[in-house]
Amino acid sequence: MYDVLLIALIIVSVLLIIAVLMLPSKTNAASALSGGAEALFGKQKARGFEAGLRRITAGLGTIFIVLAVVMAYLSSN
């Protein structure tokens, strides 16, 4: 069972890395020129692909933490 969980943890960790790398950047190079107006008026909810990618990233992160805790418990017993 430990080996199956280890393989699942490796797969989830690789998928999590890919999902995080696919997330769009939130930095804006022109923010110094706009005087911070973009930070005030530019807040919009993620839609479409970005929203789905955020959900996938959160889900993979949760699965990663749960698998890591279960494996730590199994290795201590």
N, C-alpha and C. Protein backbone atom coordinates (compact mmCIF):
# COMPACT_ATOMS: atom_id res chain seq x y z
N MET A 1 0.83 -1.19 0.00
CA MET A 1 0.00 0.00 0.00
C MET A 1 0.87 1.26 0.00
N TYR A 2 1.99 1.19 0.70
CA TYR A 2 2.89 2.33 0.76
C TYR A 2 3.43 2.67 -0.63
N ASP A 3 3.74 1.64 -1.41
CA ASP A 3 4.27 1.87 -2.76
C ASP A 3 3.23 2.53 -3.67
N VAL A 4 1.99 2.12 -3.54
CA VAL A 4 0.92 2.72 -4.35
C VAL A 4 0.74 4.19 -3.98
N LEU A 5 0.77 4.49 -2.69
CA LEU A 5 0.65 5.88 -2.24
C LEU A 5 1.85 6.72 -2.68
N LEU A 6 3.02 6.11 -2.68
CA LEU A 6 4.22 6.83 -3.12
C LEU A 6 4.14 7.18 -4.60
N ILE A 7 3.67 6.24 -5.41
CA ILE A 7 3.50 6.51 -6.84
C ILE A 7 2.44 7.58 -7.05
N ALA A 8 1.34 7.50 -6.30
CA ALA A 8 0.29 8.52 -6.41
C ALA A 8 0.82 9.89 -6.00
N LEU A 9 1.64 9.94 -4.96
CA LEU A 9 2.21 11.21 -4.51
C LEU A 9 3.14 11.81 -5.56
N ILE A 10 3.91 10.98 -6.21
CA ILE A 10 4.82 11.46 -7.26
C ILE A 10 4.02 12.00 -8.45
N ILE A 11 2.97 11.28 -8.84
CA ILE A 11 2.14 11.73 -9.97
C ILE A 11 1.45 13.04 -9.63
N VAL A 12 0.89 13.14 -8.43
CA VAL A 12 0.20 14.36 -8.02
C VAL A 12 1.18 15.53 -7.93
N SER A 13 2.39 15.27 -7.45
CA SER A 13 3.35 16.36 -7.34
C SER A 13 3.77 16.88 -8.71
N VAL A 14 3.95 16.00 -9.69
CA VAL A 14 4.30 16.43 -11.04
C VAL A 14 3.13 17.21 -11.65
N LEU A 15 1.91 16.73 -11.48
CA LEU A 15 0.74 17.45 -12.00
C LEU A 15 0.58 18.81 -11.32
N LEU A 16 0.88 18.88 -10.03
CA LEU A 16 0.79 20.15 -9.31
C LEU A 16 1.83 21.15 -9.84
N ILE A 17 3.02 20.69 -10.11
CA ILE A 17 4.05 21.56 -10.67
C ILE A 17 3.61 22.09 -12.04
N ILE A 18 3.07 21.22 -12.86
CA ILE A 18 2.61 21.64 -14.19
C ILE A 18 1.47 22.65 -14.06
N ALA A 19 0.52 22.40 -13.15
CA ALA A 19 -0.62 23.31 -12.98
C ALA A 19 -0.16 24.67 -12.49
N VAL A 20 0.79 24.71 -11.57
CA VAL A 20 1.28 25.99 -11.06
C VAL A 20 2.03 26.75 -12.15
N LEU A 21 2.80 26.05 -12.96
CA LEU A 21 3.52 26.71 -14.04
C LEU A 21 2.59 27.24 -15.13
N MET A 22 1.42 26.64 -15.28
CA MET A 22 0.47 27.09 -16.29
C MET A 22 -0.36 28.28 -15.83
N LEU A 23 -0.38 28.57 -14.52
CA LEU A 23 -1.15 29.71 -14.03
C LEU A 23 -0.58 31.00 -14.59
N PRO A 24 -1.45 31.92 -14.97
CA PRO A 24 -0.94 33.19 -15.50
C PRO A 24 -0.32 34.04 -14.41
N SER A 25 0.63 34.85 -14.79
CA SER A 25 1.32 35.72 -13.86
C SER A 25 0.41 36.86 -13.45
N LYS A 26 0.52 37.31 -12.19
CA LYS A 26 -0.30 38.42 -11.71
C LYS A 26 0.47 39.72 -11.67
N THR A 27 1.73 39.71 -11.99
CA THR A 27 2.51 40.94 -11.96
C THR A 27 2.29 41.73 -13.23
N ASN A 28 2.32 43.04 -13.09
CA ASN A 28 2.13 43.92 -14.23
C ASN A 28 3.31 44.88 -14.28
N ALA A 29 4.04 44.90 -15.36
CA ALA A 29 5.23 45.72 -15.46
C ALA A 29 4.88 47.20 -15.49
N ALA A 30 3.70 47.56 -15.92
CA ALA A 30 3.31 48.97 -16.03
C ALA A 30 2.64 49.48 -14.76
N SER A 31 2.67 48.72 -13.67
CA SER A 31 1.98 49.15 -12.45
C SER A 31 2.64 50.38 -11.83
N ALA A 32 3.93 50.55 -12.05
CA ALA A 32 4.60 51.74 -11.52
C ALA A 32 4.16 52.99 -12.26
N LEU A 33 3.80 52.86 -13.52
CA LEU A 33 3.38 54.00 -14.31
C LEU A 33 1.91 54.36 -14.09
N SER A 34 1.10 53.37 -13.71
CA SER A 34 -0.33 53.64 -13.56
C SER A 34 -0.68 54.18 -12.18
N GLY A 35 0.25 54.22 -11.28
CA GLY A 35 0.00 54.79 -9.96
C GLY A 35 -0.85 53.90 -9.07
N GLY A 36 -0.91 52.63 -9.34
CA GLY A 36 -1.66 51.71 -8.49
C GLY A 36 -3.13 51.62 -8.84
N ALA A 37 -3.58 52.29 -9.88
CA ALA A 37 -4.99 52.24 -10.27
C ALA A 37 -5.37 50.83 -10.73
N GLU A 38 -4.42 50.13 -11.31
CA GLU A 38 -4.70 48.77 -11.77
C GLU A 38 -5.00 47.86 -10.59
N ALA A 39 -4.33 48.08 -9.46
CA ALA A 39 -4.59 47.25 -8.29
C ALA A 39 -5.97 47.51 -7.72
N LEU A 40 -6.48 48.72 -7.87
CA LEU A 40 -7.79 49.07 -7.35
C LEU A 40 -8.91 48.65 -8.29
N PHE A 41 -8.76 48.96 -9.56
CA PHE A 41 -9.84 48.71 -10.52
C PHE A 41 -9.66 47.43 -11.31
N GLY A 42 -8.52 46.80 -11.20
CA GLY A 42 -8.24 45.62 -12.02
C GLY A 42 -8.62 44.31 -11.38
N LYS A 43 -9.30 44.34 -10.26
CA LYS A 43 -9.65 43.09 -9.59
C LYS A 43 -10.90 42.51 -10.22
N GLN A 44 -10.71 41.40 -10.91
CA GLN A 44 -11.83 40.69 -11.52
C GLN A 44 -11.70 39.23 -11.17
N LYS A 45 -12.83 38.58 -11.12
CA LYS A 45 -12.81 37.15 -10.86
C LYS A 45 -12.25 36.42 -12.07
N ALA A 46 -11.58 35.32 -11.77
CA ALA A 46 -11.05 34.50 -12.85
C ALA A 46 -12.20 33.83 -13.58
N ARG A 47 -12.09 33.77 -14.88
CA ARG A 47 -13.15 33.16 -15.70
C ARG A 47 -12.54 32.14 -16.64
N GLY A 48 -13.34 31.18 -16.99
CA GLY A 48 -12.94 30.21 -18.01
C GLY A 48 -11.77 29.34 -17.60
N PHE A 49 -10.77 29.35 -18.45
CA PHE A 49 -9.61 28.47 -18.27
C PHE A 49 -8.88 28.76 -16.96
N GLU A 50 -8.72 30.04 -16.64
CA GLU A 50 -7.99 30.41 -15.43
C GLU A 50 -8.72 29.95 -14.18
N ALA A 51 -10.04 30.07 -14.15
CA ALA A 51 -10.81 29.63 -12.99
C ALA A 51 -10.70 28.12 -12.81
N GLY A 52 -10.80 27.40 -13.91
CA GLY A 52 -10.66 25.94 -13.85
C GLY A 52 -9.27 25.53 -13.40
N LEU A 53 -8.27 26.24 -13.88
CA LEU A 53 -6.90 25.92 -13.49
C LEU A 53 -6.65 26.20 -12.02
N ARG A 54 -7.27 27.26 -11.49
CA ARG A 54 -7.14 27.54 -10.06
C ARG A 54 -7.79 26.44 -9.22
N ARG A 55 -8.96 25.97 -9.66
CA ARG A 55 -9.62 24.87 -8.93
C ARG A 55 -8.79 23.60 -8.98
N ILE A 56 -8.25 23.30 -10.14
CA ILE A 56 -7.40 22.10 -10.28
C ILE A 56 -6.18 22.21 -9.39
N THR A 57 -5.56 23.38 -9.35
CA THR A 57 -4.38 23.58 -8.51
C THR A 57 -4.72 23.42 -7.04
N ALA A 58 -5.84 23.97 -6.61
CA ALA A 58 -6.25 23.84 -5.21
C ALA A 58 -6.56 22.39 -4.88
N GLY A 59 -7.22 21.70 -5.78
CA GLY A 59 -7.53 20.29 -5.55
C GLY A 59 -6.29 19.43 -5.49
N LEU A 60 -5.37 19.66 -6.41
CA LEU A 60 -4.12 18.88 -6.40
C LEU A 60 -3.29 19.17 -5.15
N GLY A 61 -3.30 20.43 -4.71
CA GLY A 61 -2.60 20.77 -3.47
C GLY A 61 -3.18 20.07 -2.27
N THR A 62 -4.50 20.00 -2.21
CA THR A 62 -5.17 19.30 -1.11
C THR A 62 -4.86 17.81 -1.13
N ILE A 63 -4.93 17.21 -2.32
CA ILE A 63 -4.61 15.78 -2.44
C ILE A 63 -3.15 15.53 -2.06
N PHE A 64 -2.25 16.42 -2.46
CA PHE A 64 -0.84 16.27 -2.12
C PHE A 64 -0.63 16.28 -0.60
N ILE A 65 -1.27 17.21 0.09
CA ILE A 65 -1.12 17.30 1.54
C ILE A 65 -1.68 16.07 2.23
N VAL A 66 -2.85 15.62 1.78
CA VAL A 66 -3.48 14.44 2.39
C VAL A 66 -2.60 13.21 2.17
N LEU A 67 -2.10 13.03 0.97
CA LEU A 67 -1.23 11.88 0.70
C LEU A 67 0.05 11.94 1.52
N ALA A 68 0.62 13.12 1.67
CA ALA A 68 1.85 13.26 2.46
C ALA A 68 1.60 12.92 3.92
N VAL A 69 0.48 13.36 4.47
CA VAL A 69 0.17 13.06 5.87
C VAL A 69 -0.09 11.56 6.05
N VAL A 70 -0.82 10.95 5.13
CA VAL A 70 -1.09 9.51 5.22
C VAL A 70 0.20 8.71 5.12
N MET A 71 1.09 9.11 4.22
CA MET A 71 2.36 8.40 4.09
C MET A 71 3.23 8.58 5.33
N ALA A 72 3.20 9.74 5.92
CA ALA A 72 3.97 9.96 7.15
C ALA A 72 3.43 9.09 8.28
N TYR A 73 2.12 8.97 8.34
CA TYR A 73 1.50 8.12 9.36
C TYR A 73 1.86 6.65 9.13
N LEU A 74 1.80 6.20 7.87
CA LEU A 74 2.13 4.81 7.58
C LEU A 74 3.61 4.50 7.81
N SER A 75 4.47 5.45 7.56
CA SER A 75 5.90 5.18 7.75
C SER A 75 6.29 5.18 9.22
N SER A 76 5.49 5.84 10.06
CA SER A 76 5.82 5.86 11.49
C SER A 76 5.31 4.61 12.20
N ASN A 77 4.38 3.91 11.58
CA ASN A 77 3.83 2.67 12.21
C ASN A 77 4.31 1.43 11.53
